[in-house]
N, C-alpha and C. Protein backbone atom coordinates (compact mmCIF):
# COMPACT_ATOMS: atom_id res chain seq x y z
N MET A 1 18.57 20.67 -96.48
CA MET A 1 18.68 19.39 -95.78
C MET A 1 17.89 18.31 -96.53
N PRO A 2 18.41 17.06 -96.53
CA PRO A 2 17.71 15.97 -97.22
C PRO A 2 16.29 15.74 -96.69
N ALA A 3 16.06 16.06 -95.41
CA ALA A 3 14.74 15.83 -94.80
C ALA A 3 13.64 16.63 -95.49
N LYS A 4 14.00 17.70 -96.16
CA LYS A 4 13.00 18.55 -96.82
C LYS A 4 12.31 17.81 -97.96
N HIS A 5 12.95 16.74 -98.46
CA HIS A 5 12.36 16.00 -99.57
C HIS A 5 11.06 15.30 -99.14
N TYR A 6 10.92 15.03 -97.85
CA TYR A 6 9.67 14.42 -97.37
C TYR A 6 8.48 15.31 -97.67
N SER A 7 8.65 16.60 -97.44
CA SER A 7 7.55 17.53 -97.67
C SER A 7 7.16 17.56 -99.15
N SER A 8 8.16 17.48 -100.03
CA SER A 8 7.86 17.48 -101.47
C SER A 8 7.15 16.19 -101.89
N ILE A 9 7.50 15.08 -101.24
CA ILE A 9 6.85 13.80 -101.55
C ILE A 9 5.38 13.85 -101.15
N PHE A 10 5.11 14.29 -99.91
CA PHE A 10 3.73 14.35 -99.44
C PHE A 10 2.92 15.39 -100.22
N LYS A 11 3.59 16.45 -100.67
CA LYS A 11 2.92 17.47 -101.48
C LYS A 11 2.50 16.87 -102.82
N GLU A 12 3.36 16.02 -103.36
CA GLU A 12 3.07 15.40 -104.64
C GLU A 12 1.91 14.41 -104.51
N ILE A 13 1.87 13.68 -103.39
CA ILE A 13 0.77 12.74 -103.14
C ILE A 13 -0.55 13.49 -103.04
N ASN A 14 -0.54 14.60 -102.31
CA ASN A 14 -1.77 15.38 -102.11
C ASN A 14 -2.24 16.06 -103.39
N SER A 15 -1.31 16.36 -104.27
CA SER A 15 -1.67 17.06 -105.51
C SER A 15 -2.27 16.13 -106.56
N CYS A 16 -2.12 14.82 -106.36
CA CYS A 16 -2.62 13.83 -107.32
C CYS A 16 -3.57 12.87 -106.61
N LYS A 17 -4.86 13.02 -106.85
CA LYS A 17 -5.86 12.18 -106.17
C LYS A 17 -5.66 10.72 -106.49
N PHE A 18 -5.32 10.44 -107.75
CA PHE A 18 -5.10 9.06 -108.18
C PHE A 18 -3.95 8.43 -107.39
N LEU A 19 -2.86 9.18 -107.24
CA LEU A 19 -1.70 8.68 -106.52
C LEU A 19 -2.01 8.54 -105.03
N LYS A 20 -2.85 9.44 -104.50
CA LYS A 20 -3.23 9.39 -103.09
C LYS A 20 -3.99 8.10 -102.79
N ILE A 21 -4.95 7.77 -103.66
CA ILE A 21 -5.75 6.56 -103.46
C ILE A 21 -4.88 5.32 -103.59
N GLN A 22 -3.99 5.32 -104.57
CA GLN A 22 -3.12 4.16 -104.76
C GLN A 22 -2.17 3.97 -103.58
N SER A 23 -1.63 5.08 -103.06
CA SER A 23 -0.72 5.01 -101.92
C SER A 23 -1.43 4.48 -100.68
N LEU A 24 -2.66 4.95 -100.48
CA LEU A 24 -3.46 4.51 -99.34
C LEU A 24 -3.80 3.03 -99.46
N THR A 25 -4.15 2.61 -100.67
CA THR A 25 -4.46 1.20 -100.92
C THR A 25 -3.26 0.31 -100.64
N LEU A 26 -2.12 0.72 -101.15
CA LEU A 26 -0.88 -0.03 -100.96
C LEU A 26 -0.54 -0.15 -99.48
N PHE A 27 -0.73 0.95 -98.74
CA PHE A 27 -0.43 0.95 -97.31
C PHE A 27 -1.34 -0.03 -96.56
N ILE A 28 -2.64 0.03 -96.86
CA ILE A 28 -3.62 -0.80 -96.14
C ILE A 28 -3.36 -2.29 -96.39
N ILE A 29 -3.22 -2.67 -97.65
CA ILE A 29 -3.03 -4.08 -97.99
C ILE A 29 -1.73 -4.61 -97.40
N THR A 30 -0.66 -3.81 -97.49
CA THR A 30 0.63 -4.24 -96.94
C THR A 30 0.57 -4.31 -95.43
N TYR A 31 -0.14 -3.36 -94.81
CA TYR A 31 -0.29 -3.35 -93.34
C TYR A 31 -0.98 -4.62 -92.86
N VAL A 32 -2.07 -4.99 -93.53
CA VAL A 32 -2.82 -6.19 -93.15
C VAL A 32 -1.91 -7.42 -93.22
N ASP A 33 -1.18 -7.55 -94.31
CA ASP A 33 -0.31 -8.71 -94.49
C ASP A 33 0.80 -8.76 -93.44
N TRP A 34 1.42 -7.62 -93.17
CA TRP A 34 2.57 -7.62 -92.26
C TRP A 34 2.16 -7.63 -90.79
N THR A 35 0.89 -7.40 -90.51
CA THR A 35 0.40 -7.62 -89.16
C THR A 35 0.21 -9.11 -88.93
N LEU A 36 -0.18 -9.80 -90.00
CA LEU A 36 -0.47 -11.23 -89.92
C LEU A 36 0.75 -12.12 -90.11
N ILE A 37 1.72 -11.65 -90.89
CA ILE A 37 2.88 -12.47 -91.25
C ILE A 37 3.63 -13.05 -90.05
N PRO A 38 3.93 -12.27 -88.98
CA PRO A 38 4.64 -12.87 -87.84
C PRO A 38 3.92 -14.06 -87.22
N PHE A 39 2.60 -14.00 -87.14
CA PHE A 39 1.82 -15.11 -86.58
C PHE A 39 1.83 -16.31 -87.53
N VAL A 40 1.73 -16.02 -88.84
CA VAL A 40 1.77 -17.09 -89.84
C VAL A 40 3.15 -17.74 -89.85
N THR A 41 4.19 -16.93 -89.68
CA THR A 41 5.56 -17.46 -89.62
C THR A 41 5.71 -18.42 -88.45
N LYS A 42 5.07 -18.11 -87.34
CA LYS A 42 5.11 -18.98 -86.16
C LYS A 42 4.42 -20.32 -86.47
N PHE A 43 3.25 -20.25 -87.12
CA PHE A 43 2.56 -21.48 -87.52
C PHE A 43 3.38 -22.26 -88.53
N GLU A 44 3.98 -21.51 -89.46
CA GLU A 44 4.80 -22.13 -90.51
C GLU A 44 5.93 -22.95 -89.92
N GLY A 45 6.64 -22.35 -88.95
CA GLY A 45 7.76 -23.05 -88.32
C GLY A 45 7.32 -24.19 -87.42
N THR A 46 6.08 -24.13 -86.94
CA THR A 46 5.58 -25.17 -86.02
C THR A 46 4.98 -26.37 -86.76
N TYR A 47 4.25 -26.10 -87.83
CA TYR A 47 3.46 -27.16 -88.48
C TYR A 47 3.98 -27.62 -89.83
N LEU A 48 4.68 -26.75 -90.56
CA LEU A 48 5.08 -27.10 -91.92
C LEU A 48 6.49 -27.66 -91.99
N PRO A 49 6.70 -28.68 -92.83
CA PRO A 49 8.06 -29.20 -93.03
C PRO A 49 8.90 -28.21 -93.83
N VAL A 50 10.21 -28.35 -93.74
CA VAL A 50 11.12 -27.45 -94.45
C VAL A 50 10.87 -27.50 -95.95
N PHE A 51 10.51 -28.68 -96.44
CA PHE A 51 10.24 -28.84 -97.86
C PHE A 51 9.16 -27.86 -98.34
N MET A 52 8.06 -27.77 -97.59
CA MET A 52 6.96 -26.90 -98.00
C MET A 52 7.31 -25.43 -97.83
N ILE A 53 8.06 -25.11 -96.79
CA ILE A 53 8.50 -23.73 -96.60
C ILE A 53 9.36 -23.29 -97.78
N SER A 54 10.28 -24.18 -98.17
CA SER A 54 11.14 -23.89 -99.32
C SER A 54 10.35 -23.78 -100.61
N PHE A 55 9.30 -24.59 -100.71
CA PHE A 55 8.46 -24.57 -101.91
C PHE A 55 7.80 -23.21 -102.08
N TYR A 56 7.23 -22.67 -100.99
CA TYR A 56 6.58 -21.36 -101.08
C TYR A 56 7.60 -20.26 -101.37
N MET A 57 8.79 -20.38 -100.80
CA MET A 57 9.84 -19.40 -101.09
C MET A 57 10.23 -19.47 -102.56
N LEU A 58 10.30 -20.69 -103.09
CA LEU A 58 10.68 -20.88 -104.50
C LEU A 58 9.63 -20.27 -105.43
N VAL A 59 8.35 -20.56 -105.16
CA VAL A 59 7.28 -20.03 -106.00
C VAL A 59 7.25 -18.50 -105.94
N GLY A 60 7.43 -17.95 -104.74
CA GLY A 60 7.43 -16.50 -104.57
C GLY A 60 8.56 -15.82 -105.33
N ALA A 61 9.66 -16.55 -105.54
CA ALA A 61 10.81 -15.98 -106.25
C ALA A 61 10.67 -16.06 -107.76
N LEU A 62 9.58 -16.65 -108.24
CA LEU A 62 9.41 -16.83 -109.69
C LEU A 62 8.74 -15.64 -110.37
N ASP A 63 8.49 -14.56 -109.63
CA ASP A 63 7.75 -13.44 -110.21
C ASP A 63 8.45 -12.87 -111.44
N GLY A 64 9.79 -12.88 -111.44
CA GLY A 64 10.53 -12.37 -112.60
C GLY A 64 10.31 -13.22 -113.84
N PHE A 65 10.08 -14.53 -113.65
CA PHE A 65 9.82 -15.42 -114.78
C PHE A 65 8.36 -15.33 -115.23
N ILE A 66 7.48 -15.02 -114.28
CA ILE A 66 6.04 -14.99 -114.57
C ILE A 66 5.61 -13.69 -115.24
N GLN A 67 6.24 -12.59 -114.88
CA GLN A 67 5.83 -11.28 -115.39
C GLN A 67 5.75 -11.18 -116.91
N PRO A 68 6.72 -11.75 -117.69
CA PRO A 68 6.60 -11.66 -119.15
C PRO A 68 5.32 -12.29 -119.71
N LEU A 69 4.75 -13.26 -118.96
CA LEU A 69 3.51 -13.90 -119.41
C LEU A 69 2.34 -12.94 -119.38
N PHE A 70 2.47 -11.88 -118.57
CA PHE A 70 1.39 -10.92 -118.41
C PHE A 70 1.78 -9.54 -118.95
N LYS A 71 2.67 -9.54 -119.95
CA LYS A 71 3.17 -8.28 -120.50
C LYS A 71 2.05 -7.42 -121.08
N ASN A 72 1.07 -8.07 -121.73
CA ASN A 72 0.02 -7.32 -122.40
C ASN A 72 -1.31 -7.31 -121.64
N ILE A 73 -1.28 -7.73 -120.39
CA ILE A 73 -2.51 -7.74 -119.60
C ILE A 73 -2.92 -6.31 -119.25
N LYS A 74 -4.21 -6.07 -119.21
CA LYS A 74 -4.72 -4.73 -118.87
C LYS A 74 -4.64 -4.54 -117.36
N ILE A 75 -4.21 -3.35 -116.94
CA ILE A 75 -3.95 -3.07 -115.53
C ILE A 75 -5.21 -3.24 -114.67
N HIS A 76 -6.39 -2.89 -115.21
CA HIS A 76 -7.60 -3.01 -114.40
C HIS A 76 -7.96 -4.46 -114.12
N ASN A 77 -7.56 -5.37 -115.02
CA ASN A 77 -7.79 -6.80 -114.78
C ASN A 77 -6.91 -7.32 -113.64
N ILE A 78 -5.73 -6.74 -113.51
CA ILE A 78 -4.85 -7.11 -112.40
C ILE A 78 -5.50 -6.71 -111.08
N TYR A 79 -6.05 -5.50 -111.04
CA TYR A 79 -6.71 -5.03 -109.82
C TYR A 79 -7.98 -5.82 -109.53
N LEU A 80 -8.68 -6.23 -110.57
CA LEU A 80 -9.87 -7.05 -110.37
C LEU A 80 -9.50 -8.38 -109.72
N PHE A 81 -8.41 -8.97 -110.19
CA PHE A 81 -7.92 -10.22 -109.60
C PHE A 81 -7.49 -9.99 -108.15
N ALA A 82 -6.83 -8.86 -107.89
CA ALA A 82 -6.38 -8.54 -106.54
C ALA A 82 -7.57 -8.38 -105.59
N ILE A 83 -8.67 -7.81 -106.08
CA ILE A 83 -9.87 -7.64 -105.27
C ILE A 83 -10.42 -9.00 -104.84
N PHE A 84 -10.56 -9.91 -105.80
CA PHE A 84 -11.05 -11.25 -105.48
C PHE A 84 -10.10 -11.99 -104.54
N LEU A 85 -8.80 -11.76 -104.72
CA LEU A 85 -7.79 -12.40 -103.87
C LEU A 85 -7.91 -11.90 -102.43
N ASP A 86 -8.13 -10.61 -102.26
CA ASP A 86 -8.28 -10.04 -100.92
C ASP A 86 -9.57 -10.52 -100.25
N ILE A 87 -10.63 -10.65 -101.04
CA ILE A 87 -11.88 -11.19 -100.50
C ILE A 87 -11.67 -12.63 -100.04
N PHE A 88 -10.96 -13.40 -100.85
CA PHE A 88 -10.66 -14.79 -100.50
C PHE A 88 -9.82 -14.85 -99.22
N GLN A 89 -8.88 -13.90 -99.08
CA GLN A 89 -8.04 -13.86 -97.88
C GLN A 89 -8.89 -13.65 -96.63
N ILE A 90 -9.86 -12.75 -96.72
CA ILE A 90 -10.72 -12.49 -95.56
C ILE A 90 -11.51 -13.74 -95.18
N PHE A 91 -12.05 -14.44 -96.18
CA PHE A 91 -12.80 -15.66 -95.89
C PHE A 91 -11.89 -16.78 -95.39
N SER A 92 -10.61 -16.73 -95.76
CA SER A 92 -9.68 -17.78 -95.31
C SER A 92 -9.44 -17.72 -93.81
N TYR A 93 -9.71 -16.58 -93.19
CA TYR A 93 -9.55 -16.47 -91.73
C TYR A 93 -10.48 -17.44 -91.00
N LEU A 94 -11.60 -17.77 -91.64
CA LEU A 94 -12.55 -18.70 -91.02
C LEU A 94 -11.97 -20.10 -90.88
N VAL A 95 -11.01 -20.43 -91.74
CA VAL A 95 -10.40 -21.77 -91.74
C VAL A 95 -9.62 -22.02 -90.45
N TYR A 96 -9.11 -20.95 -89.84
CA TYR A 96 -8.30 -21.08 -88.63
C TYR A 96 -9.04 -21.81 -87.51
N SER A 97 -10.34 -21.59 -87.41
CA SER A 97 -11.13 -22.21 -86.34
C SER A 97 -11.26 -23.72 -86.53
N PHE A 98 -11.09 -24.20 -87.76
CA PHE A 98 -11.24 -25.63 -88.04
C PHE A 98 -9.90 -26.36 -88.07
N SER A 99 -8.89 -25.71 -88.66
CA SER A 99 -7.58 -26.37 -88.77
C SER A 99 -6.48 -25.32 -88.94
N VAL A 100 -5.56 -25.27 -87.99
CA VAL A 100 -4.46 -24.32 -88.06
C VAL A 100 -3.53 -24.66 -89.23
N VAL A 101 -3.32 -25.95 -89.44
CA VAL A 101 -2.43 -26.40 -90.51
C VAL A 101 -2.98 -25.99 -91.87
N THR A 102 -4.27 -26.26 -92.09
CA THR A 102 -4.91 -25.89 -93.36
C THR A 102 -4.88 -24.38 -93.56
N PHE A 103 -5.15 -23.65 -92.48
CA PHE A 103 -5.12 -22.20 -92.55
C PHE A 103 -3.73 -21.71 -92.97
N THR A 104 -2.70 -22.31 -92.40
CA THR A 104 -1.32 -21.92 -92.71
C THR A 104 -1.02 -22.12 -94.19
N TYR A 105 -1.45 -23.26 -94.74
CA TYR A 105 -1.23 -23.52 -96.16
C TYR A 105 -2.01 -22.53 -97.03
N VAL A 106 -3.26 -22.28 -96.66
CA VAL A 106 -4.11 -21.39 -97.45
C VAL A 106 -3.57 -19.97 -97.44
N ILE A 107 -3.24 -19.44 -96.27
CA ILE A 107 -2.78 -18.05 -96.17
C ILE A 107 -1.42 -17.87 -96.82
N LEU A 108 -0.55 -18.87 -96.74
CA LEU A 108 0.75 -18.78 -97.42
C LEU A 108 0.57 -18.77 -98.94
N THR A 109 -0.41 -19.54 -99.42
CA THR A 109 -0.71 -19.54 -100.86
C THR A 109 -1.20 -18.16 -101.29
N VAL A 110 -2.07 -17.57 -100.46
CA VAL A 110 -2.59 -16.23 -100.76
C VAL A 110 -1.46 -15.21 -100.77
N PHE A 111 -0.60 -15.25 -99.74
CA PHE A 111 0.52 -14.31 -99.66
C PHE A 111 1.44 -14.43 -100.87
N THR A 112 1.69 -15.67 -101.30
CA THR A 112 2.60 -15.91 -102.43
C THR A 112 2.02 -15.34 -103.72
N ILE A 113 0.75 -15.64 -103.99
CA ILE A 113 0.10 -15.13 -105.19
C ILE A 113 -0.02 -13.61 -105.13
N GLN A 114 -0.32 -13.11 -103.94
CA GLN A 114 -0.46 -11.67 -103.75
C GLN A 114 0.85 -10.93 -104.03
N GLY A 115 1.97 -11.50 -103.58
CA GLY A 115 3.27 -10.89 -103.82
C GLY A 115 3.59 -10.80 -105.30
N ILE A 116 3.29 -11.87 -106.04
CA ILE A 116 3.53 -11.88 -107.48
C ILE A 116 2.62 -10.87 -108.17
N THR A 117 1.36 -10.81 -107.74
CA THR A 117 0.39 -9.86 -108.32
C THR A 117 0.83 -8.42 -108.10
N PHE A 118 1.35 -8.12 -106.90
CA PHE A 118 1.83 -6.77 -106.59
C PHE A 118 2.95 -6.36 -107.53
N GLU A 119 3.86 -7.29 -107.82
CA GLU A 119 4.98 -6.98 -108.69
C GLU A 119 4.52 -6.73 -110.13
N ILE A 120 3.56 -7.53 -110.58
CA ILE A 120 3.02 -7.34 -111.93
C ILE A 120 2.31 -5.99 -112.02
N ALA A 121 1.53 -5.66 -110.98
CA ALA A 121 0.80 -4.39 -110.96
C ALA A 121 1.77 -3.20 -110.93
N ARG A 122 2.86 -3.34 -110.18
CA ARG A 122 3.83 -2.24 -110.06
C ARG A 122 4.38 -1.86 -111.43
N ILE A 123 4.74 -2.84 -112.23
CA ILE A 123 5.33 -2.58 -113.54
C ILE A 123 4.30 -1.95 -114.49
N HIS A 124 3.06 -2.43 -114.44
CA HIS A 124 2.03 -1.92 -115.35
C HIS A 124 1.50 -0.55 -114.93
N THR A 125 1.78 -0.16 -113.69
CA THR A 125 1.28 1.13 -113.20
C THR A 125 2.17 2.29 -113.64
N VAL A 126 3.42 1.99 -113.97
CA VAL A 126 4.39 3.04 -114.30
C VAL A 126 3.88 3.95 -115.41
N ASP A 127 3.32 3.38 -116.47
CA ASP A 127 2.83 4.18 -117.60
C ASP A 127 1.73 5.15 -117.18
N PHE A 128 0.88 4.72 -116.27
CA PHE A 128 -0.21 5.57 -115.82
C PHE A 128 0.28 6.70 -114.91
N MET A 129 1.36 6.45 -114.21
CA MET A 129 1.94 7.50 -113.37
C MET A 129 2.52 8.61 -114.25
N GLN A 130 3.02 8.24 -115.40
CA GLN A 130 3.53 9.26 -116.33
C GLN A 130 2.38 10.12 -116.86
N ASP A 131 1.22 9.50 -117.05
CA ASP A 131 0.04 10.27 -117.47
C ASP A 131 -0.39 11.26 -116.39
N GLU A 132 -0.11 10.91 -115.13
CA GLU A 132 -0.47 11.79 -114.01
C GLU A 132 0.62 12.83 -113.75
N LYS A 133 1.59 12.91 -114.63
CA LYS A 133 2.69 13.86 -114.52
C LYS A 133 3.50 13.67 -113.23
N VAL A 134 3.68 12.40 -112.87
CA VAL A 134 4.51 12.05 -111.72
C VAL A 134 5.78 11.40 -112.24
N GLU A 135 6.92 11.91 -111.83
CA GLU A 135 8.19 11.34 -112.28
C GLU A 135 8.34 9.92 -111.76
N LEU A 136 8.93 9.06 -112.60
CA LEU A 136 9.09 7.66 -112.24
C LEU A 136 9.87 7.51 -110.93
N LYS A 137 10.92 8.31 -110.77
CA LYS A 137 11.73 8.23 -109.56
C LYS A 137 10.90 8.57 -108.32
N ASP A 138 10.06 9.59 -108.45
CA ASP A 138 9.21 10.00 -107.33
C ASP A 138 8.16 8.94 -107.02
N TYR A 139 7.60 8.35 -108.08
CA TYR A 139 6.58 7.31 -107.88
C TYR A 139 7.16 6.11 -107.13
N LEU A 140 8.33 5.66 -107.57
CA LEU A 140 8.97 4.51 -106.92
C LEU A 140 9.36 4.83 -105.48
N MET A 141 9.76 6.09 -105.25
CA MET A 141 10.13 6.51 -103.90
C MET A 141 8.90 6.54 -102.99
N ILE A 142 7.78 7.06 -103.53
CA ILE A 142 6.54 7.10 -102.77
C ILE A 142 6.06 5.68 -102.47
N ARG A 143 6.16 4.81 -103.45
CA ARG A 143 5.75 3.42 -103.26
C ARG A 143 6.58 2.74 -102.17
N SER A 144 7.89 2.95 -102.21
CA SER A 144 8.78 2.37 -101.20
C SER A 144 8.47 2.92 -99.81
N LEU A 145 8.15 4.22 -99.75
CA LEU A 145 7.81 4.86 -98.48
C LEU A 145 6.54 4.26 -97.89
N MET A 146 5.51 4.06 -98.72
CA MET A 146 4.25 3.49 -98.25
C MET A 146 4.44 2.06 -97.76
N ILE A 147 5.22 1.28 -98.50
CA ILE A 147 5.46 -0.11 -98.13
C ILE A 147 6.23 -0.19 -96.81
N SER A 148 7.27 0.63 -96.68
CA SER A 148 8.07 0.63 -95.45
C SER A 148 7.23 1.06 -94.25
N ALA A 149 6.40 2.10 -94.44
CA ALA A 149 5.55 2.58 -93.36
C ALA A 149 4.54 1.51 -92.94
N ALA A 150 4.00 0.78 -93.93
CA ALA A 150 3.03 -0.27 -93.64
C ALA A 150 3.68 -1.44 -92.92
N ILE A 151 4.91 -1.79 -93.33
CA ILE A 151 5.62 -2.89 -92.67
C ILE A 151 5.94 -2.54 -91.22
N VAL A 152 6.40 -1.31 -90.99
CA VAL A 152 6.71 -0.86 -89.63
C VAL A 152 5.44 -0.87 -88.78
N ALA A 153 4.35 -0.30 -89.31
CA ALA A 153 3.09 -0.25 -88.57
C ALA A 153 2.55 -1.66 -88.31
N GLY A 154 2.64 -2.53 -89.31
CA GLY A 154 2.17 -3.91 -89.15
C GLY A 154 2.98 -4.68 -88.13
N SER A 155 4.29 -4.51 -88.16
CA SER A 155 5.17 -5.19 -87.21
C SER A 155 4.90 -4.73 -85.78
N LEU A 156 4.71 -3.43 -85.60
CA LEU A 156 4.39 -2.89 -84.27
C LEU A 156 3.04 -3.42 -83.78
N SER A 157 2.08 -3.49 -84.71
CA SER A 157 0.75 -4.01 -84.35
C SER A 157 0.86 -5.47 -83.89
N SER A 158 1.66 -6.27 -84.60
CA SER A 158 1.85 -7.67 -84.23
C SER A 158 2.46 -7.79 -82.84
N MET A 159 3.44 -6.93 -82.55
CA MET A 159 4.08 -6.94 -81.24
C MET A 159 3.08 -6.61 -80.13
N ILE A 160 2.20 -5.64 -80.41
CA ILE A 160 1.20 -5.24 -79.42
C ILE A 160 0.19 -6.37 -79.20
N PHE A 161 -0.31 -6.95 -80.30
CA PHE A 161 -1.27 -8.05 -80.19
C PHE A 161 -0.66 -9.24 -79.45
N ASP A 162 0.60 -9.53 -79.74
CA ASP A 162 1.27 -10.66 -79.09
C ASP A 162 1.55 -10.35 -77.62
N TYR A 163 1.94 -9.12 -77.31
CA TYR A 163 2.25 -8.74 -75.93
C TYR A 163 1.03 -8.89 -75.02
N PHE A 164 -0.13 -8.50 -75.55
CA PHE A 164 -1.36 -8.59 -74.75
C PHE A 164 -2.08 -9.92 -74.95
N SER A 165 -1.42 -10.84 -75.69
CA SER A 165 -1.97 -12.19 -75.92
C SER A 165 -3.42 -12.14 -76.43
N VAL A 166 -3.63 -11.26 -77.40
CA VAL A 166 -4.97 -11.09 -77.97
C VAL A 166 -5.35 -12.35 -78.75
N ASN A 167 -6.57 -12.79 -78.56
CA ASN A 167 -7.08 -13.95 -79.28
C ASN A 167 -7.01 -13.68 -80.78
N LEU A 168 -6.51 -14.66 -81.54
CA LEU A 168 -6.32 -14.46 -82.97
C LEU A 168 -7.64 -14.20 -83.71
N ASN A 169 -8.73 -14.72 -83.18
CA ASN A 169 -10.02 -14.46 -83.82
C ASN A 169 -10.35 -12.97 -83.81
N TYR A 170 -9.98 -12.28 -82.73
CA TYR A 170 -10.18 -10.83 -82.67
C TYR A 170 -9.26 -10.12 -83.65
N LEU A 171 -8.04 -10.66 -83.79
CA LEU A 171 -7.11 -10.09 -84.76
C LEU A 171 -7.67 -10.23 -86.17
N PHE A 172 -8.25 -11.39 -86.48
CA PHE A 172 -8.83 -11.62 -87.80
C PHE A 172 -9.99 -10.66 -88.07
N ILE A 173 -10.80 -10.41 -87.05
CA ILE A 173 -11.91 -9.48 -87.21
C ILE A 173 -11.38 -8.08 -87.51
N PHE A 174 -10.35 -7.68 -86.76
CA PHE A 174 -9.73 -6.37 -86.96
C PHE A 174 -9.16 -6.24 -88.36
N LEU A 175 -8.41 -7.26 -88.80
CA LEU A 175 -7.79 -7.22 -90.12
C LEU A 175 -8.83 -7.30 -91.24
N SER A 176 -9.95 -7.99 -90.98
CA SER A 176 -11.02 -8.07 -91.98
C SER A 176 -11.64 -6.70 -92.21
N ILE A 177 -11.85 -5.94 -91.13
CA ILE A 177 -12.42 -4.59 -91.25
C ILE A 177 -11.47 -3.68 -92.03
N ILE A 178 -10.17 -3.75 -91.66
CA ILE A 178 -9.17 -2.95 -92.37
C ILE A 178 -9.09 -3.38 -93.84
N GLY A 179 -9.16 -4.71 -94.05
CA GLY A 179 -9.09 -5.24 -95.41
C GLY A 179 -10.24 -4.80 -96.29
N LEU A 180 -11.43 -4.63 -95.69
CA LEU A 180 -12.59 -4.17 -96.46
C LEU A 180 -12.37 -2.75 -96.98
N PHE A 181 -11.72 -1.92 -96.17
CA PHE A 181 -11.37 -0.57 -96.64
C PHE A 181 -10.41 -0.67 -97.82
N GLY A 182 -9.43 -1.59 -97.72
CA GLY A 182 -8.48 -1.79 -98.81
C GLY A 182 -9.17 -2.24 -100.08
N ILE A 183 -10.15 -3.14 -99.95
CA ILE A 183 -10.92 -3.61 -101.11
C ILE A 183 -11.72 -2.47 -101.73
N TYR A 184 -12.29 -1.63 -100.87
CA TYR A 184 -13.07 -0.47 -101.35
C TYR A 184 -12.20 0.44 -102.22
N PHE A 185 -11.00 0.75 -101.75
CA PHE A 185 -10.11 1.63 -102.52
C PHE A 185 -9.61 0.93 -103.78
N GLN A 186 -9.45 -0.39 -103.71
CA GLN A 186 -9.03 -1.12 -104.91
C GLN A 186 -10.13 -1.09 -105.98
N ILE A 187 -11.38 -1.14 -105.55
CA ILE A 187 -12.49 -1.04 -106.50
C ILE A 187 -12.47 0.32 -107.19
N ILE A 188 -12.17 1.37 -106.42
CA ILE A 188 -12.05 2.72 -107.01
C ILE A 188 -10.94 2.75 -108.05
N LEU A 189 -9.78 2.16 -107.69
CA LEU A 189 -8.66 2.11 -108.63
C LEU A 189 -9.00 1.30 -109.87
N TYR A 190 -9.71 0.19 -109.65
CA TYR A 190 -10.12 -0.66 -110.78
C TYR A 190 -10.96 0.15 -111.78
N LYS A 191 -11.92 0.91 -111.26
CA LYS A 191 -12.78 1.72 -112.12
C LYS A 191 -11.99 2.81 -112.84
N LYS A 192 -11.06 3.45 -112.12
CA LYS A 192 -10.25 4.51 -112.72
C LYS A 192 -9.34 3.95 -113.82
N PHE A 193 -8.70 2.82 -113.53
CA PHE A 193 -7.83 2.20 -114.52
C PHE A 193 -8.62 1.75 -115.75
N LYS A 194 -9.79 1.16 -115.52
CA LYS A 194 -10.61 0.68 -116.62
C LYS A 194 -11.05 1.84 -117.51
N LYS A 195 -11.41 2.96 -116.88
CA LYS A 195 -11.82 4.15 -117.64
C LYS A 195 -10.67 4.68 -118.47
N LYS A 196 -9.47 4.72 -117.87
CA LYS A 196 -8.29 5.22 -118.59
C LYS A 196 -7.96 4.32 -119.78
N VAL A 197 -8.01 2.99 -119.55
CA VAL A 197 -7.69 2.05 -120.62
C VAL A 197 -8.72 2.15 -121.74
N THR A 198 -9.99 2.23 -121.38
CA THR A 198 -11.07 2.34 -122.38
C THR A 198 -10.92 3.61 -123.21
N ASN A 199 -10.67 4.73 -122.55
CA ASN A 199 -10.49 6.01 -123.26
C ASN A 199 -9.29 5.96 -124.20
N ALA A 200 -8.19 5.32 -123.70
CA ALA A 200 -6.98 5.20 -124.53
C ALA A 200 -7.26 4.36 -125.77
N GLU A 201 -8.04 3.28 -125.61
CA GLU A 201 -8.36 2.41 -126.74
C GLU A 201 -9.25 3.15 -127.74
N ILE A 202 -10.17 3.96 -127.25
CA ILE A 202 -11.04 4.74 -128.13
C ILE A 202 -10.23 5.74 -128.95
N ILE A 203 -9.28 6.41 -128.28
CA ILE A 203 -8.42 7.38 -128.98
C ILE A 203 -7.60 6.70 -130.06
N ILE A 204 -7.08 5.51 -129.74
CA ILE A 204 -6.28 4.76 -130.72
C ILE A 204 -7.14 4.39 -131.93
N GLN A 205 -8.37 3.94 -131.67
CA GLN A 205 -9.26 3.56 -132.76
C GLN A 205 -9.60 4.77 -133.64
N ILE A 206 -9.80 5.92 -133.01
CA ILE A 206 -10.10 7.16 -133.76
C ILE A 206 -8.90 7.55 -134.62
N ASP A 207 -7.69 7.46 -134.04
CA ASP A 207 -6.47 7.79 -134.77
C ASP A 207 -6.28 6.86 -135.97
N LYS A 208 -6.56 5.57 -135.76
CA LYS A 208 -6.43 4.60 -136.85
C LYS A 208 -7.44 4.90 -137.96
N LYS A 209 -8.66 5.26 -137.55
CA LYS A 209 -9.70 5.57 -138.54
C LYS A 209 -9.33 6.81 -139.34
N GLU A 210 -8.82 7.85 -138.65
CA GLU A 210 -8.42 9.07 -139.33
C GLU A 210 -7.26 8.81 -140.30
N LEU A 211 -6.32 7.97 -139.85
CA LEU A 211 -5.17 7.64 -140.69
C LEU A 211 -5.63 6.86 -141.93
N PHE A 212 -6.59 5.95 -141.73
CA PHE A 212 -7.13 5.17 -142.85
C PHE A 212 -7.84 6.08 -143.86
N GLU A 213 -8.59 7.05 -143.33
CA GLU A 213 -9.29 7.99 -144.20
C GLU A 213 -8.32 8.82 -145.03
N LYS A 214 -7.22 9.22 -144.42
CA LYS A 214 -6.20 10.01 -145.14
C LYS A 214 -5.60 9.21 -146.30
N PHE A 215 -5.35 7.90 -146.05
CA PHE A 215 -4.78 7.06 -147.09
C PHE A 215 -5.78 6.84 -148.22
N ARG A 216 -7.06 6.79 -147.88
CA ARG A 216 -8.10 6.59 -148.90
C ARG A 216 -8.17 7.81 -149.80
N VAL A 217 -8.03 8.97 -149.21
CA VAL A 217 -8.07 10.20 -149.99
C VAL A 217 -6.83 10.31 -150.86
């Protein structure tokens, strides 16, 4: 039965600590965003003109044009940027108490940049998944599963918060706590990626030196 493939997917996640941490990180960050997105969409439709809504949609759709600019960027630098972006997102929740309109613009900017960053990171992560002996098809399937699960969980959370008319400040506190866990796991990934990149560069330098020595002889 096709359902048996779920067990093989979860088995593969559990067998690879690196993939487990990345899957958990992806779930947490996506969950936070999709819990907040319905409320931001409400603010967006209430306070922002169509022009600005279209502008953010346009910028978000430019990831395919932007990615070639970061073809040679190191993967750990992408995660470092994502960490600072998530920290900025948490602090942006404070803006809501002063101005809903400003908060809407700020959080939409964060979401837009975050979406582009996720796409750049996804492409650069593929090579490292091959080092972990994970098939590309399985990696993409696991990634899609984590994102879908996070979107479903986030959407349900938004429905619950809205049904009970929970004060948004409490929602921000909740998402900040969850977001801190996401940042913690991203720091772990940053260190792991940096170590892998550094080791790979050292091996390349050693190979070049050995090749140079052979030519000298």
